[in-house]
């Protein structure tokens, strides 16, 4: 097998991806065998320095932009301003957050509800409370009617208890 032309941390450009700088994250050597031929190739695993996208490329498609020793200096000088601000955070998110091994340095907060959403939530809460109150009153009235129609010895006491519960439920708002 041939010695790789690029190593970990080198910055490269890739044919077909103009104006995008990639960093070598890793590489693998592949050996192919067929009945009448065989060949070796090196495939590089790359990370887009500005967005964190991942790409595989053959060695023949790569051109060295800066070696690993000068990579940080090159990126600080040549990445667009927006990419410079989030370069380390984006790489951290790529390595840790996207695959569930950790989280991004900047956690996204849940958006605050708007006044309309808060009003709708309050209306829904009140509607639910009214429905529960109506169900409770219906249940108590059904029990009251059952006792009124029954021959139970304690029916007068039970009806009085139910009437008291009905007053309490009806007063609750």
Foldseek 3Di string as FASTA:
>chain_A
DDDQPADAQFWKDFPPDPPWIKGFHDKDKDWDDDPVDIDIWIKTWIATQQQRDIDIDTSVGIDTDGHNVCRVVCCVPDPPPVSVVCRVQNNCCNVDVVVPNHHGPDDDDDDDDDPVVVVVVVVVVVVVLVVVLVVVLVVLVVVLVVLVPDPDPCSVVSNVVSVVVNVVSVPDD
